[in-house]
Each structure stands twice: as structure tokens, then as C-alpha cells.
PDB file of all heavy atoms in Angstrom:
ATOM      1  N   PRO A   1      82.696 102.535 139.127  1.00  0.00           N
ATOM      2  CA  PRO A   1      82.630 102.717 137.676  1.00  0.00           C
ATOM      3  C   PRO A   1      83.796 102.055 136.931  1.00  0.00           C
ATOM      4  O   PRO A   1      83.602 101.454 135.873  1.00  0.00           O
ATOM      5  CB  PRO A   1      82.667 104.235 137.494  1.00  0.00           C
ATOM      6  CG  PRO A   1      82.232 104.802 138.791  1.00  0.00           C
ATOM      7  CD  PRO A   1      82.614 103.808 139.837  1.00  0.00           C
ATOM      8  N   LEU A   2      85.010 102.152 137.481  1.00  0.00           N
ATOM      9  CA  LEU A   2      86.157 101.541 136.816  1.00  0.00           C
ATOM     10  C   LEU A   2      86.046 100.020 136.815  1.00  0.00           C
ATOM     11  O   LEU A   2      86.385  99.369 135.819  1.00  0.00           O
ATOM     12  CB  LEU A   2      87.464 101.982 137.472  1.00  0.00           C
ATOM     13  CG  LEU A   2      87.844 103.443 137.222  1.00  0.00           C
ATOM     14  CD1 LEU A   2      89.087 103.815 138.018  1.00  0.00           C
ATOM     15  CD2 LEU A   2      88.045 103.713 135.739  1.00  0.00           C
ATOM     16  N   ALA A   3      85.557  99.440 137.905  1.00  0.00           N
ATOM     17  CA  ALA A   3      85.369  97.988 137.955  1.00  0.00           C
ATOM     18  C   ALA A   3      84.335  97.554 136.922  1.00  0.00           C
ATOM     19  O   ALA A   3      84.518  96.541 136.226  1.00  0.00           O
ATOM     20  CB  ALA A   3      84.960  97.558 139.359  1.00  0.00           C
ATOM     21  N   ASP A   4      83.240  98.306 136.819  1.00  0.00           N
ATOM     22  CA  ASP A   4      82.210  97.984 135.826  1.00  0.00           C
ATOM     23  C   ASP A   4      82.771  98.095 134.415  1.00  0.00           C
ATOM     24  O   ASP A   4      82.489  97.260 133.548  1.00  0.00           O
ATOM     25  CB  ASP A   4      81.002  98.909 135.970  1.00  0.00           C
ATOM     26  CG  ASP A   4      80.166  98.581 137.193  1.00  0.00           C
ATOM     27  OD1 ASP A   4      80.395  97.537 137.825  1.00  0.00           O
ATOM     28  OD2 ASP A   4      79.267  99.387 137.514  1.00  0.00           O
ATOM     29  N   TRP A   5      83.552  99.133 134.155  1.00  0.00           N
ATOM     30  CA  TRP A   5      84.137  99.326 132.825  1.00  0.00           C
ATOM     31  C   TRP A   5      85.091  98.187 132.490  1.00  0.00           C
ATOM     32  O   TRP A   5      85.064  97.645 131.390  1.00  0.00           O
ATOM     33  CB  TRP A   5      84.840 100.679 132.748  1.00  0.00           C
ATOM     34  CG  TRP A   5      85.462 100.936 131.417  1.00  0.00           C
ATOM     35  CD1 TRP A   5      86.790 101.054 131.133  1.00  0.00           C
ATOM     36  CD2 TRP A   5      84.785 101.092 130.162  1.00  0.00           C
ATOM     37  NE1 TRP A   5      86.984 101.272 129.790  1.00  0.00           N
ATOM     38  CE2 TRP A   5      85.766 101.301 129.170  1.00  0.00           C
ATOM     39  CE3 TRP A   5      83.448 101.075 129.790  1.00  0.00           C
ATOM     40  CZ2 TRP A   5      85.452 101.487 127.825  1.00  0.00           C
ATOM     41  CZ3 TRP A   5      83.141 101.262 128.445  1.00  0.00           C
ATOM     42  CH2 TRP A   5      84.134 101.465 127.478  1.00  0.00           C
ATOM     43  N   ASN A   6      85.939  97.807 133.444  1.00  0.00           N
ATOM     44  CA  ASN A   6      86.876  96.709 133.208  1.00  0.00           C
ATOM     45  C   ASN A   6      86.145  95.389 132.977  1.00  0.00           C
ATOM     46  O   ASN A   6      86.551  94.585 132.140  1.00  0.00           O
ATOM     47  CB  ASN A   6      87.872  96.586 134.363  1.00  0.00           C
ATOM     48  CG  ASN A   6      88.897  97.703 134.341  1.00  0.00           C
ATOM     49  OD1 ASN A   6      89.258  98.194 133.282  1.00  0.00           O
ATOM     50  ND2 ASN A   6      89.363  98.108 135.505  1.00  0.00           N
ATOM     51  N   ALA A   7      85.054  95.177 133.701  1.00  0.00           N
ATOM     52  CA  ALA A   7      84.248  93.966 133.490  1.00  0.00           C
ATOM     53  C   ALA A   7      83.643  93.974 132.088  1.00  0.00           C
ATOM     54  O   ALA A   7      83.616  92.945 131.405  1.00  0.00           O
ATOM     55  CB  ALA A   7      83.161  93.870 134.552  1.00  0.00           C
ATOM     56  N   HIS A   8      83.156  95.133 131.660  1.00  0.00           N
ATOM     57  CA  HIS A   8      82.600  95.260 130.312  1.00  0.00           C
ATOM     58  C   HIS A   8      83.659  94.945 129.262  1.00  0.00           C
ATOM     59  O   HIS A   8      83.409  94.198 128.305  1.00  0.00           O
ATOM     60  CB  HIS A   8      82.043  96.676 130.105  1.00  0.00           C
ATOM     61  CG  HIS A   8      81.782  97.012 128.673  1.00  0.00           C
ATOM     62  ND1 HIS A   8      80.723  96.497 127.977  1.00  0.00           N
ATOM     63  CD2 HIS A   8      82.471  97.790 127.808  1.00  0.00           C
ATOM     64  CE1 HIS A   8      80.763  96.946 126.729  1.00  0.00           C
ATOM     65  NE2 HIS A   8      81.812  97.736 126.607  1.00  0.00           N
ATOM     66  N   LEU A   9      84.852  95.510 129.418  1.00  0.00           N
ATOM     67  CA  LEU A   9      85.930  95.255 128.464  1.00  0.00           C
ATOM     68  C   LEU A   9      86.306  93.779 128.441  1.00  0.00           C
ATOM     69  O   LEU A   9      86.565  93.211 127.374  1.00  0.00           O
ATOM     70  CB  LEU A   9      87.158  96.104 128.801  1.00  0.00           C
ATOM     71  CG  LEU A   9      87.011  97.608 128.597  1.00  0.00           C
ATOM     72  CD1 LEU A   9      88.286  98.320 129.022  1.00  0.00           C
ATOM     73  CD2 LEU A   9      86.650  97.946 127.166  1.00  0.00           C
ATOM     74  N   SER A  10      86.312  93.154 129.600  1.00  0.00           N
ATOM     75  CA  SER A  10      86.642  91.736 129.683  1.00  0.00           C
ATOM     76  C   SER A  10      85.607  90.891 128.940  1.00  0.00           C
ATOM     77  O   SER A  10      85.959  89.969 128.200  1.00  0.00           O
ATOM     78  CB  SER A  10      86.723  91.313 131.147  1.00  0.00           C
ATOM     79  OG  SER A  10      87.028  89.943 131.242  1.00  0.00           O
ATOM     80  N   LEU A  11      84.336  91.216 129.116  1.00  0.00           N
ATOM     81  CA  LEU A  11      83.283  90.491 128.396  1.00  0.00           C
ATOM     82  C   LEU A  11      83.406  90.683 126.890  1.00  0.00           C
ATOM     83  O   LEU A  11      83.249  89.736 126.118  1.00  0.00           O
ATOM     84  CB  LEU A  11      81.903  90.952 128.865  1.00  0.00           C
ATOM     85  CG  LEU A  11      81.470  90.508 130.252  1.00  0.00           C
ATOM     86  CD1 LEU A  11      80.164  91.184 130.652  1.00  0.00           C
ATOM     87  CD2 LEU A  11      81.333  88.996 130.311  1.00  0.00           C
ATOM     88  N   ALA A  12      83.689  91.912 126.470  1.00  0.00           N
ATOM     89  CA  ALA A  12      83.843  92.186 125.033  1.00  0.00           C
ATOM     90  C   ALA A  12      85.029  91.403 124.470  1.00  0.00           C
ATOM     91  O   ALA A  12      84.938  90.819 123.385  1.00  0.00           O
ATOM     92  CB  ALA A  12      84.024  93.684 124.796  1.00  0.00           C
ATOM     93  N   ARG A  13      86.136  91.357 125.199  1.00  0.00           N
ATOM     94  CA  ARG A  13      87.313  90.594 124.747  1.00  0.00           C
ATOM     95  C   ARG A  13      87.002  89.103 124.669  1.00  0.00           C
ATOM     96  O   ARG A  13      87.435  88.414 123.750  1.00  0.00           O
ATOM     97  CB  ARG A  13      88.496  90.826 125.681  1.00  0.00           C
ATOM     98  CG  ARG A  13      89.298  92.065 125.372  1.00  0.00           C
ATOM     99  CD  ARG A  13      90.598  92.097 126.174  1.00  0.00           C
ATOM    100  NE  ARG A  13      90.378  92.054 127.608  1.00  0.00           N
ATOM    101  CZ  ARG A  13      90.257  93.134 128.371  1.00  0.00           C
ATOM    102  NH1 ARG A  13      90.355  94.338 127.851  1.00  0.00           N
ATOM    103  NH2 ARG A  13      90.053  93.024 129.663  1.00  0.00           N
ATOM    104  N   ASP A  14      86.243  88.601 125.651  1.00  0.00           N
ATOM    105  CA  ASP A  14      85.923  87.177 125.681  1.00  0.00           C
ATOM    106  C   ASP A  14      85.034  86.765 124.503  1.00  0.00           C
ATOM    107  O   ASP A  14      85.105  85.636 124.035  1.00  0.00           O
ATOM    108  CB  ASP A  14      85.235  86.797 126.993  1.00  0.00           C
ATOM    109  CG  ASP A  14      86.179  86.841 128.179  1.00  0.00           C
ATOM    110  OD1 ASP A  14      87.411  86.896 127.966  1.00  0.00           O
ATOM    111  OD2 ASP A  14      85.687  86.818 129.320  1.00  0.00           O
ATOM    112  N   ARG A  15      84.183  87.673 124.039  1.00  0.00           N
ATOM    113  CA  ARG A  15      83.293  87.373 122.917  1.00  0.00           C
ATOM    114  C   ARG A  15      83.966  87.593 121.567  1.00  0.00           C
ATOM    115  O   ARG A  15      83.506  87.084 120.551  1.00  0.00           O
ATOM    116  CB  ARG A  15      82.030  88.237 122.991  1.00  0.00           C
ATOM    117  CG  ARG A  15      81.080  87.832 124.082  1.00  0.00           C
ATOM    118  CD  ARG A  15      79.770  88.569 123.936  1.00  0.00           C
ATOM    119  NE  ARG A  15      79.977  89.997 123.782  1.00  0.00           N
ATOM    120  CZ  ARG A  15      79.451  90.924 124.543  1.00  0.00           C
ATOM    121  NH1 ARG A  15      78.659  90.601 125.522  1.00  0.00           N
ATOM    122  NH2 ARG A  15      79.684  92.196 124.329  1.00  0.00           N
ATOM    123  N   ALA A  16      85.028  88.361 121.552  1.00  0.00           N
ATOM    124  CA  ALA A  16      85.705  88.692 120.288  1.00  0.00           C
ATOM    125  C   ALA A  16      86.405  87.455 119.729  1.00  0.00           C
ATOM    126  O   ALA A  16      86.830  86.573 120.463  1.00  0.00           O
ATOM    127  CB  ALA A  16      86.712  89.821 120.506  1.00  0.00           C
ATOM    128  N   VAL A  17      86.509  87.430 118.416  1.00  0.00           N
ATOM    129  CA  VAL A  17      87.190  86.326 117.748  1.00  0.00           C
ATOM    130  C   VAL A  17      88.671  86.344 118.148  1.00  0.00           C
ATOM    131  O   VAL A  17      89.295  87.402 118.169  1.00  0.00           O
ATOM    132  CB  VAL A  17      87.007  86.420 116.214  1.00  0.00           C
ATOM    133  CG1 VAL A  17      87.679  87.643 115.646  1.00  0.00           C
ATOM    134  CG2 VAL A  17      87.489  85.179 115.525  1.00  0.00           C
ATOM    135  N   PRO A  18      89.217  85.189 118.499  1.00  0.00           N
ATOM    136  CA  PRO A  18      90.640  85.181 118.892  1.00  0.00           C
ATOM    137  C   PRO A  18      91.541  85.315 117.668  1.00  0.00           C
ATOM    138  O   PRO A  18      91.207  84.865 116.574  1.00  0.00           O
ATOM    139  CB  PRO A  18      90.813  83.806 119.554  1.00  0.00           C
ATOM    140  CG  PRO A  18      89.726  82.960 118.980  1.00  0.00           C
ATOM    141  CD  PRO A  18      88.589  83.876 118.640  1.00  0.00           C
ATOM    142  N   LEU A  19      92.674  85.937 117.879  1.00  0.00           N
ATOM    143  CA  LEU A  19      93.680  86.026 116.817  1.00  0.00           C
ATOM    144  C   LEU A  19      94.462  84.716 116.780  1.00  0.00           C
ATOM    145  O   LEU A  19      94.751  84.136 117.834  1.00  0.00           O
ATOM    146  CB  LEU A  19      94.655  87.170 117.092  1.00  0.00           C
ATOM    147  CG  LEU A  19      94.116  88.588 116.985  1.00  0.00           C
ATOM    148  CD1 LEU A  19      95.200  89.586 117.358  1.00  0.00           C
ATOM    149  CD2 LEU A  19      93.586  88.865 115.594  1.00  0.00           C
ATOM    150  N   PRO A  20      94.843  84.290 115.594  1.00  0.00           N
ATOM    151  CA  PRO A  20      95.756  83.130 115.539  1.00  0.00           C
ATOM    152  C   PRO A  20      97.037  83.467 116.301  1.00  0.00           C
ATOM    153  O   PRO A  20      97.547  84.591 116.201  1.00  0.00           O
ATOM    154  CB  PRO A  20      96.026  82.960 114.038  1.00  0.00           C
ATOM    155  CG  PRO A  20      94.890  83.657 113.354  1.00  0.00           C
ATOM    156  CD  PRO A  20      94.481  84.783 114.269  1.00  0.00           C
ATOM    157  N   GLU A  21      97.543  82.512 117.045  1.00  0.00           N
ATOM    158  CA  GLU A  21      98.701  82.757 117.910  1.00  0.00           C
ATOM    159  C   GLU A  21      99.904  83.317 117.161  1.00  0.00           C
ATOM    160  O   GLU A  21     100.539  84.272 117.640  1.00  0.00           O
ATOM    161  CB  GLU A  21      99.086  81.486 118.677  1.00  0.00           C
ATOM    162  CG  GLU A  21     100.166  81.707 119.713  1.00  0.00           C
ATOM    163  CD  GLU A  21      99.861  82.837 120.691  1.00  0.00           C
ATOM    164  OE1 GLU A  21      98.710  82.951 121.156  1.00  0.00           O
ATOM    165  OE2 GLU A  21     100.779  83.628 120.983  1.00  0.00           O
ATOM    166  N   PRO A  22     100.261  82.795 115.976  1.00  0.00           N
ATOM    167  CA  PRO A  22     101.410  83.384 115.274  1.00  0.00           C
ATOM    168  C   PRO A  22     101.193  84.862 114.932  1.00  0.00           C
ATOM    169  O   PRO A  22     102.127  85.660 115.013  1.00  0.00           O
ATOM    170  CB  PRO A  22     101.540  82.539 113.999  1.00  0.00           C
ATOM    171  CG  PRO A  22     100.848  81.257 114.317  1.00  0.00           C
ATOM    172  CD  PRO A  22      99.742  81.614 115.276  1.00  0.00           C
ATOM    173  N   LEU A  23      99.972  85.233 114.583  1.00  0.00           N
ATOM    174  CA  LEU A  23      99.675  86.630 114.263  1.00  0.00           C
ATOM    175  C   LEU A  23      99.744  87.495 115.524  1.00  0.00           C
ATOM    176  O   LEU A  23     100.320  88.586 115.499  1.00  0.00           O
ATOM    177  CB  LEU A  23      98.304  86.761 113.597  1.00  0.00           C
ATOM    178  CG  LEU A  23      97.863  88.175 113.228  1.00  0.00           C
ATOM    179  CD1 LEU A  23      98.868  88.839 112.291  1.00  0.00           C
ATOM    180  CD2 LEU A  23      96.477  88.143 112.604  1.00  0.00           C
ATOM    181  N   ALA A  24      99.196  86.999 116.620  1.00  0.00           N
ATOM    182  CA  ALA A  24      99.257  87.750 117.881  1.00  0.00           C
ATOM    183  C   ALA A  24     100.708  87.985 118.299  1.00  0.00           C
ATOM    184  O   ALA A  24     101.082  89.092 118.708  1.00  0.00           O
ATOM    185  CB  ALA A  24      98.488  87.007 118.972  1.00  0.00           C
ATOM    186  N   ALA A  25     101.540  86.953 118.174  1.00  0.00           N
ATOM    187  CA  ALA A  25     102.960  87.088 118.531  1.00  0.00           C
ATOM    188  C   ALA A  25     103.662  88.082 117.612  1.00  0.00           C
ATOM    189  O   ALA A  25     104.481  88.884 118.069  1.00  0.00           O
ATOM    190  CB  ALA A  25     103.648  85.724 118.465  1.00  0.00           C
ATOM    191  N   LEU A  26     103.329  88.041 116.324  1.00  0.00           N
ATOM    192  CA  LEU A  26     103.933  88.971 115.375  1.00  0.00           C
ATOM    193  C   LEU A  26     103.545  90.411 115.703  1.00  0.00           C
ATOM    194  O   LEU A  26     104.379  91.326 115.643  1.00  0.00           O
ATOM    195  CB  LEU A  26     103.508  88.614 113.951  1.00  0.00           C
ATOM    196  CG  LEU A  26     104.084  89.480 112.832  1.00  0.00           C
ATOM    197  CD1 LEU A  26     105.608  89.426 112.828  1.00  0.00           C
ATOM    198  CD2 LEU A  26     103.524  89.019 111.494  1.00  0.00           C
ATOM    199  N   LEU A  27     102.291  90.625 116.072  1.00  0.00           N
ATOM    200  CA  LEU A  27     101.850  91.980 116.431  1.00  0.00           C
ATOM    201  C   LEU A  27     102.580  92.491 117.673  1.00  0.00           C
ATOM    202  O   LEU A  27     102.946  93.671 117.738  1.00  0.00           O
ATOM    203  CB  LEU A  27     100.335  92.009 116.632  1.00  0.00           C
ATOM    204  CG  LEU A  27      99.506  91.826 115.360  1.00  0.00           C
ATOM    205  CD1 LEU A  27      98.031  91.659 115.694  1.00  0.00           C
ATOM    206  CD2 LEU A  27      99.723  92.979 114.399  1.00  0.00           C
ATOM    207  N   VAL A  28     102.804  91.621 118.642  1.00  0.00           N
ATOM    208  CA  VAL A  28     103.563  92.014 119.829  1.00  0.00           C
ATOM    209  C   VAL A  28     104.987  92.385 119.427  1.00  0.00           C
ATOM    210  O   VAL A  28     105.529  93.406 119.859  1.00  0.00           O
ATOM    211  CB  VAL A  28     103.567  90.885 120.891  1.00  0.00           C
ATOM    212  CG1 VAL A  28     104.586  91.164 121.990  1.00  0.00           C
ATOM    213  CG2 VAL A  28     102.174  90.708 121.479  1.00  0.00           C
TER     214      VAL A  28
END
């Protein structure tokens, strides 16, 4: 179940719009 959940999250992240790099760095 955990492997399936992690795979699902990975697919969702891959389909999501990427953040501009400067914004991602600022959020970190």
C-alpha cells in the first residue's frame, strides 16, 4: 500500500504545473 501511495503521489507531482525556480527557492 505504501509503494502504491508513493507512486500515486509521484504521478500527481509529475502532472502538476512546475513552480518557477526562483519561487521554489524562495519558498525553501
